[in-house]
Amino acid sequence: MISLIVLVNLNLIPAAYAGPDCTCRYKGKKIPEGQSACIKTANGYKVAQCSRVLNNASWKFTNQTCPVG
């Protein structure tokens, strides 16, 4: 009975949706999903790509160091 009440209540909560224009933020700038940025980490600057995890914008770090220039 309790699980049925929980399921009914979950259906009343509007679903979170990141939308088509999902962006990550870094240093006050909006970075579109799929784009990369050089982000400072404890191991120096690393390339990170803006991606989506469970409808939330998230940085996915790579093993690449940022290009010098």
PDB file of N, CA and C in Angstrom:
ATOM      1  N   MET A   1       0.823  -1.195   0.000  1.00  0.00           N
ATOM      2  CA  MET A   1       0.000   0.000   0.000  1.00  0.00           C
ATOM      3  C   MET A   1       0.867   1.259   0.000  1.00  0.00           C
ATOM      4  N   ILE A   2       1.910   1.259   0.832  1.00  0.00           N
ATOM      5  CA  ILE A   2       2.778   2.441   0.910  1.00  0.00           C
ATOM      6  C   ILE A   2       3.493   2.672  -0.413  1.00  0.00           C
ATOM      7  N   SER A   3       3.950   1.608  -1.063  1.00  0.00           N
ATOM      8  CA  SER A   3       4.645   1.771  -2.341  1.00  0.00           C
ATOM      9  C   SER A   3       3.710   2.335  -3.401  1.00  0.00           C
ATOM     10  N   LEU A   4       2.449   1.993  -3.366  1.00  0.00           N
ATOM     11  CA  LEU A   4       1.474   2.532  -4.300  1.00  0.00           C
ATOM     12  C   LEU A   4       1.310   4.029  -4.087  1.00  0.00           C
ATOM     13  N   ILE A   5       1.260   4.469  -2.853  1.00  0.00           N
ATOM     14  CA  ILE A   5       1.151   5.897  -2.541  1.00  0.00           C
ATOM     15  C   ILE A   5       2.377   6.639  -3.039  1.00  0.00           C
ATOM     16  N   VAL A   6       3.558   6.072  -2.857  1.00  0.00           N
ATOM     17  CA  VAL A   6       4.791   6.702  -3.327  1.00  0.00           C
ATOM     18  C   VAL A   6       4.774   6.826  -4.838  1.00  0.00           C
ATOM     19  N   LEU A   7       4.375   5.789  -5.549  1.00  0.00           N
ATOM     20  CA  LEU A   7       4.307   5.842  -7.010  1.00  0.00           C
ATOM     21  C   LEU A   7       3.321   6.901  -7.494  1.00  0.00           C
ATOM     22  N   VAL A   8       2.193   6.999  -6.838  1.00  0.00           N
ATOM     23  CA  VAL A   8       1.212   8.011  -7.213  1.00  0.00           C
ATOM     24  C   VAL A   8       1.784   9.407  -6.981  1.00  0.00           C
ATOM     25  N   ASN A   9       2.454   9.614  -5.860  1.00  0.00           N
ATOM     26  CA  ASN A   9       3.023  10.926  -5.563  1.00  0.00           C
ATOM     27  C   ASN A   9       4.155  11.286  -6.512  1.00  0.00           C
ATOM     28  N   LEU A  10       4.954  10.314  -6.943  1.00  0.00           N
ATOM     29  CA  LEU A  10       6.037  10.588  -7.881  1.00  0.00           C
ATOM     30  C   LEU A  10       5.501  11.052  -9.227  1.00  0.00           C
ATOM     31  N   ASN A  11       4.335  10.569  -9.597  1.00  0.00           N
ATOM     32  CA  ASN A  11       3.734  10.992 -10.859  1.00  0.00           C
ATOM     33  C   ASN A  11       3.251  12.436 -10.817  1.00  0.00           C
ATOM     34  N   LEU A  12       3.061  12.981  -9.643  1.00  0.00           N
ATOM     35  CA  LEU A  12       2.607  14.359  -9.508  1.00  0.00           C
ATOM     36  C   LEU A  12       3.755  15.356  -9.585  1.00  0.00           C
ATOM     37  N   ILE A  13       4.988  14.880  -9.415  1.00  0.00           N
ATOM     38  CA  ILE A  13       6.157  15.758  -9.464  1.00  0.00           C
ATOM     39  C   ILE A  13       6.546  15.983 -10.919  1.00  0.00           C
ATOM     40  N   PRO A  14       6.678  17.236 -11.366  1.00  0.00           N
ATOM     41  CA  PRO A  14       7.062  17.466 -12.760  1.00  0.00           C
ATOM     42  C   PRO A  14       8.479  16.962 -13.010  1.00  0.00           C
ATOM     43  N   ALA A  15       8.691  16.373 -14.164  1.00  0.00           N
ATOM     44  CA  ALA A  15       9.998  15.826 -14.516  1.00  0.00           C
ATOM     45  C   ALA A  15      10.992  16.951 -14.782  1.00  0.00           C
ATOM     46  N   ALA A  16      12.214  16.772 -14.318  1.00  0.00           N
ATOM     47  CA  ALA A  16      13.274  17.731 -14.601  1.00  0.00           C
ATOM     48  C   ALA A  16      13.782  17.468 -16.007  1.00  0.00           C
ATOM     49  N   TYR A  17      13.935  18.514 -16.782  1.00  0.00           N
ATOM     50  CA  TYR A  17      14.393  18.379 -18.154  1.00  0.00           C
ATOM     51  C   TYR A  17      15.396  19.487 -18.426  1.00  0.00           C
ATOM     52  N   ALA A  18      16.584  19.102 -18.853  1.00  0.00           N
ATOM     53  CA  ALA A  18      17.639  20.081 -19.092  1.00  0.00           C
ATOM     54  C   ALA A  18      17.362  20.910 -20.340  1.00  0.00           C
ATOM     55  N   GLY A  19      16.534  20.431 -21.232  1.00  0.00           N
ATOM     56  CA  GLY A  19      16.185  21.166 -22.432  1.00  0.00           C
ATOM     57  C   GLY A  19      17.228  21.003 -23.523  1.00  0.00           C
ATOM     58  N   PRO A  20      16.906  21.491 -24.712  1.00  0.00           N
ATOM     59  CA  PRO A  20      17.815  21.316 -25.842  1.00  0.00           C
ATOM     60  C   PRO A  20      19.073  22.185 -25.753  1.00  0.00           C
ATOM     61  N   ASP A  21      19.029  23.257 -25.011  1.00  0.00           N
ATOM     62  CA  ASP A  21      20.163  24.175 -24.911  1.00  0.00           C
ATOM     63  C   ASP A  21      20.923  23.967 -23.609  1.00  0.00           C
ATOM     64  N   CYS A  22      21.323  22.729 -23.336  1.00  0.00           N
ATOM     65  CA  CYS A  22      22.033  22.382 -22.117  1.00  0.00           C
ATOM     66  C   CYS A  22      23.442  22.994 -22.159  1.00  0.00           C
ATOM     67  N   THR A  23      23.825  23.685 -21.100  1.00  0.00           N
ATOM     68  CA  THR A  23      25.153  24.297 -21.043  1.00  0.00           C
ATOM     69  C   THR A  23      25.816  24.020 -19.702  1.00  0.00           C
ATOM     70  N   CYS A  24      27.148  23.993 -19.738  1.00  0.00           N
ATOM     71  CA  CYS A  24      27.943  23.913 -18.517  1.00  0.00           C
ATOM     72  C   CYS A  24      28.487  25.317 -18.253  1.00  0.00           C
ATOM     73  N   ARG A  25      28.932  25.563 -17.041  1.00  0.00           N
ATOM     74  CA  ARG A  25      29.509  26.870 -16.715  1.00  0.00           C
ATOM     75  C   ARG A  25      30.938  26.714 -16.243  1.00  0.00           C
ATOM     76  N   TYR A  26      31.776  27.667 -16.659  1.00  0.00           N
ATOM     77  CA  TYR A  26      33.149  27.724 -16.192  1.00  0.00           C
ATOM     78  C   TYR A  26      33.622  29.161 -16.273  1.00  0.00           C
ATOM     79  N   LYS A  27      34.084  29.674 -15.173  1.00  0.00           N
ATOM     80  CA  LYS A  27      34.566  31.061 -15.063  1.00  0.00           C
ATOM     81  C   LYS A  27      33.544  32.063 -15.596  1.00  0.00           C
ATOM     82  N   GLY A  28      32.281  31.844 -15.235  1.00  0.00           N
ATOM     83  CA  GLY A  28      31.221  32.780 -15.598  1.00  0.00           C
ATOM     84  C   GLY A  28      30.736  32.677 -17.034  1.00  0.00           C
ATOM     85  N   LYS A  29      31.244  31.709 -17.795  1.00  0.00           N
ATOM     86  CA  LYS A  29      30.832  31.554 -19.192  1.00  0.00           C
ATOM     87  C   LYS A  29      29.997  30.296 -19.348  1.00  0.00           C
ATOM     88  N   LYS A  30      29.064  30.344 -20.282  1.00  0.00           N
ATOM     89  CA  LYS A  30      28.244  29.183 -20.609  1.00  0.00           C
ATOM     90  C   LYS A  30      28.905  28.438 -21.760  1.00  0.00           C
ATOM     91  N   ILE A  31      29.156  27.158 -21.561  1.00  0.00           N
ATOM     92  CA  ILE A  31      29.767  26.320 -22.578  1.00  0.00           C
ATOM     93  C   ILE A  31      28.706  25.340 -23.072  1.00  0.00           C
ATOM     94  N   PRO A  32      28.395  25.347 -24.376  1.00  0.00           N
ATOM     95  CA  PRO A  32      27.354  24.457 -24.896  1.00  0.00           C
ATOM     96  C   PRO A  32      27.725  22.988 -24.769  1.00  0.00           C
ATOM     97  N   GLU A  33      26.722  22.150 -24.659  1.00  0.00           N
ATOM     98  CA  GLU A  33      26.926  20.707 -24.596  1.00  0.00           C
ATOM     99  C   GLU A  33      27.726  20.251 -25.816  1.00  0.00           C
ATOM    100  N   GLY A  34      28.736  19.409 -25.585  1.00  0.00           N
ATOM    101  CA  GLY A  34      29.580  18.907 -26.666  1.00  0.00           C
ATOM    102  C   GLY A  34      30.865  19.698 -26.849  1.00  0.00           C
ATOM    103  N   GLN A  35      30.918  20.923 -26.319  1.00  0.00           N
ATOM    104  CA  GLN A  35      32.119  21.747 -26.437  1.00  0.00           C
ATOM    105  C   GLN A  35      33.076  21.441 -25.289  1.00  0.00           C
ATOM    106  N   SER A  36      34.356  21.788 -25.481  1.00  0.00           N
ATOM    107  CA  SER A  36      35.381  21.514 -24.470  1.00  0.00           C
ATOM    108  C   SER A  36      35.956  22.797 -23.904  1.00  0.00           C
ATOM    109  N   ALA A  37      36.562  22.667 -22.743  1.00  0.00           N
ATOM    110  CA  ALA A  37      37.234  23.797 -22.090  1.00  0.00           C
ATOM    111  C   ALA A  37      38.425  23.256 -21.309  1.00  0.00           C
ATOM    112  N   CYS A  38      39.422  24.104 -21.093  1.00  0.00           N
ATOM    113  CA  CYS A  38      40.560  23.749 -20.246  1.00  0.00           C
ATOM    114  C   CYS A  38      40.228  24.182 -18.829  1.00  0.00           C
ATOM    115  N   ILE A  39      40.145  23.226 -17.917  1.00  0.00           N
ATOM    116  CA  ILE A  39      39.733  23.494 -16.545  1.00  0.00           C
ATOM    117  C   ILE A  39      40.866  23.112 -15.602  1.00  0.00           C
ATOM    118  N   LYS A  40      41.143  23.986 -14.647  1.00  0.00           N
ATOM    119  CA  LYS A  40      42.205  23.736 -13.687  1.00  0.00           C
ATOM    120  C   LYS A  40      41.779  22.661 -12.700  1.00  0.00           C
ATOM    121  N   THR A  41      42.645  21.647 -12.525  1.00  0.00           N
ATOM    122  CA  THR A  41      42.404  20.580 -11.557  1.00  0.00           C
ATOM    123  C   THR A  41      43.604  20.513 -10.610  1.00  0.00           C
ATOM    124  N   ALA A  42      43.555  19.607  -9.665  1.00  0.00           N
ATOM    125  CA  ALA A  42      44.678  19.433  -8.744  1.00  0.00           C
ATOM    126  C   ALA A  42      45.931  18.940  -9.471  1.00  0.00           C
ATOM    127  N   ASN A  43      45.740  18.345 -10.642  1.00  0.00           N
ATOM    128  CA  ASN A  43      46.870  17.839 -11.435  1.00  0.00           C
ATOM    129  C   ASN A  43      47.179  18.718 -12.631  1.00  0.00           C
ATOM    130  N   GLY A  44      46.843  19.990 -12.550  1.00  0.00           N
ATOM    131  CA  GLY A  44      47.079  20.924 -13.656  1.00  0.00           C
ATOM    132  C   GLY A  44      45.828  21.086 -14.506  1.00  0.00           C
ATOM    133  N   TYR A  45      45.974  21.788 -15.604  1.00  0.00           N
ATOM    134  CA  TYR A  45      44.834  22.020 -16.486  1.00  0.00           C
ATOM    135  C   TYR A  45      44.555  20.779 -17.319  1.00  0.00           C
ATOM    136  N   LYS A  46      43.281  20.424 -17.414  1.00  0.00           N
ATOM    137  CA  LYS A  46      42.840  19.268 -18.194  1.00  0.00           C
ATOM    138  C   LYS A  46      41.715  19.687 -19.127  1.00  0.00           C
ATOM    139  N   VAL A  47      41.609  18.977 -20.250  1.00  0.00           N
ATOM    140  CA  VAL A  47      40.509  19.207 -21.177  1.00  0.00           C
ATOM    141  C   VAL A  47      39.271  18.504 -20.627  1.00  0.00           C
ATOM    142  N   ALA A  48      38.168  19.226 -20.569  1.00  0.00           N
ATOM    143  CA  ALA A  48      36.896  18.665 -20.120  1.00  0.00           C
ATOM    144  C   ALA A  48      35.833  18.990 -21.158  1.00  0.00           C
ATOM    145  N   GLN A  49      34.946  18.045 -21.376  1.00  0.00           N
ATOM    146  CA  GLN A  49      33.876  18.237 -22.339  1.00  0.00           C
ATOM    147  C   GLN A  49      32.552  18.368 -21.601  1.00  0.00           C
ATOM    148  N   CYS A  50      31.751  19.329 -22.016  1.00  0.00           N
ATOM    149  CA  CYS A  50      30.426  19.508 -21.438  1.00  0.00           C
ATOM    150  C   CYS A  50      29.518  18.403 -21.955  1.00  0.00           C
ATOM    151  N   SER A  51      28.923  17.666 -21.029  1.00  0.00           N
ATOM    152  CA  SER A  51      28.030  16.579 -21.412  1.00  0.00           C
ATOM    153  C   SER A  51      26.810  16.591 -20.504  1.00  0.00           C
ATOM    154  N   ARG A  52      25.944  15.619 -20.714  1.00  0.00           N
ATOM    155  CA  ARG A  52      24.716  15.531 -19.933  1.00  0.00           C
ATOM    156  C   ARG A  52      24.683  14.203 -19.186  1.00  0.00           C
ATOM    157  N   VAL A  53      24.403  14.257 -17.887  1.00  0.00           N
ATOM    158  CA  VAL A  53      24.270  13.065 -17.065  1.00  0.00           C
ATOM    159  C   VAL A  53      22.929  13.161 -16.346  1.00  0.00           C
ATOM    160  N   LEU A  54      22.051  12.229 -16.629  1.00  0.00           N
ATOM    161  CA  LEU A  54      20.710  12.228 -16.023  1.00  0.00           C
ATOM    162  C   LEU A  54      20.023  13.588 -16.147  1.00  0.00           C
ATOM    163  N   ASN A  55      20.068  14.154 -17.338  1.00  0.00           N
ATOM    164  CA  ASN A  55      19.448  15.444 -17.652  1.00  0.00           C
ATOM    165  C   ASN A  55      20.055  16.626 -16.905  1.00  0.00           C
ATOM    166  N   ASN A  56      21.301  16.484 -16.446  1.00  0.00           N
ATOM    167  CA  ASN A  56      22.016  17.592 -15.816  1.00  0.00           C
ATOM    168  C   ASN A  56      23.317  17.827 -16.564  1.00  0.00           C
ATOM    169  N   ALA A  57      23.675  19.076 -16.730  1.00  0.00           N
ATOM    170  CA  ALA A  57      24.944  19.406 -17.369  1.00  0.00           C
ATOM    171  C   ALA A  57      26.084  18.989 -16.447  1.00  0.00           C
ATOM    172  N   SER A  58      27.135  18.401 -17.039  1.00  0.00           N
ATOM    173  CA  SER A  58      28.245  17.905 -16.245  1.00  0.00           C
ATOM    174  C   SER A  58      29.516  17.926 -17.074  1.00  0.00           C
ATOM    175  N   TRP A  59      30.639  18.205 -16.419  1.00  0.00           N
ATOM    176  CA  TRP A  59      31.933  18.161 -17.100  1.00  0.00           C
ATOM    177  C   TRP A  59      32.463  16.742 -17.089  1.00  0.00           C
ATOM    178  N   LYS A  60      32.912  16.261 -18.248  1.00  0.00           N
ATOM    179  CA  LYS A  60      33.537  14.946 -18.357  1.00  0.00           C
ATOM    180  C   LYS A  60      35.016  15.193 -18.672  1.00  0.00           C
ATOM    181  N   PHE A  61      35.887  14.905 -17.696  1.00  0.00           N
ATOM    182  CA  PHE A  61      37.321  15.164 -17.874  1.00  0.00           C
ATOM    183  C   PHE A  61      37.966  14.075 -18.709  1.00  0.00           C
ATOM    184  N   THR A  62      38.915  14.507 -19.536  1.00  0.00           N
ATOM    185  CA  THR A  62      39.706  13.580 -20.340  1.00  0.00           C
ATOM    186  C   THR A  62      41.097  13.504 -19.721  1.00  0.00           C
ATOM    187  N   ASN A  63      41.934  12.656 -20.285  1.00  0.00           N
ATOM    188  CA  ASN A  63      43.325  12.555 -19.813  1.00  0.00           C
ATOM    189  C   ASN A  63      44.236  13.522 -20.561  1.00  0.00           C
ATOM    190  N   GLN A  64      43.684  14.314 -21.447  1.00  0.00           N
ATOM    191  CA  GLN A  64      44.474  15.259 -22.225  1.00  0.00           C
ATOM    192  C   GLN A  64      44.820  16.492 -21.412  1.00  0.00           C
ATOM    193  N   THR A  65      46.051  16.952 -21.579  1.00  0.00           N
ATOM    194  CA  THR A  65      46.417  18.236 -21.007  1.00  0.00           C
ATOM    195  C   THR A  65      46.023  19.304 -22.008  1.00  0.00           C
ATOM    196  N   CYS A  66      45.872  20.502 -21.537  1.00  0.00           N
ATOM    197  CA  CYS A  66      45.462  21.589 -22.419  1.00  0.00           C
ATOM    198  C   CYS A  66      46.604  21.994 -23.339  1.00  0.00           C
ATOM    199  N   PRO A  67      46.269  22.363 -24.576  1.00  0.00           N
ATOM    200  CA  PRO A  67      47.308  22.811 -25.500  1.00  0.00           C
ATOM    201  C   PRO A  67      47.938  24.108 -25.010  1.00  0.00           C
ATOM    202  N   VAL A  68      49.224  24.240 -25.218  1.00  0.00           N
ATOM    203  CA  VAL A  68      49.931  25.454 -24.816  1.00  0.00           C
ATOM    204  C   VAL A  68      49.821  26.456 -25.949  1.00  0.00           C
ATOM    205  N   GLY A  69      49.556  27.682 -25.589  1.00  0.00           N
ATOM    206  CA  GLY A  69      49.499  28.656 -26.670  1.00  0.00           C
ATOM    207  C   GLY A  69      48.819  29.835 -26.220  1.00  0.00           C
TER     208      GLY A  69
END
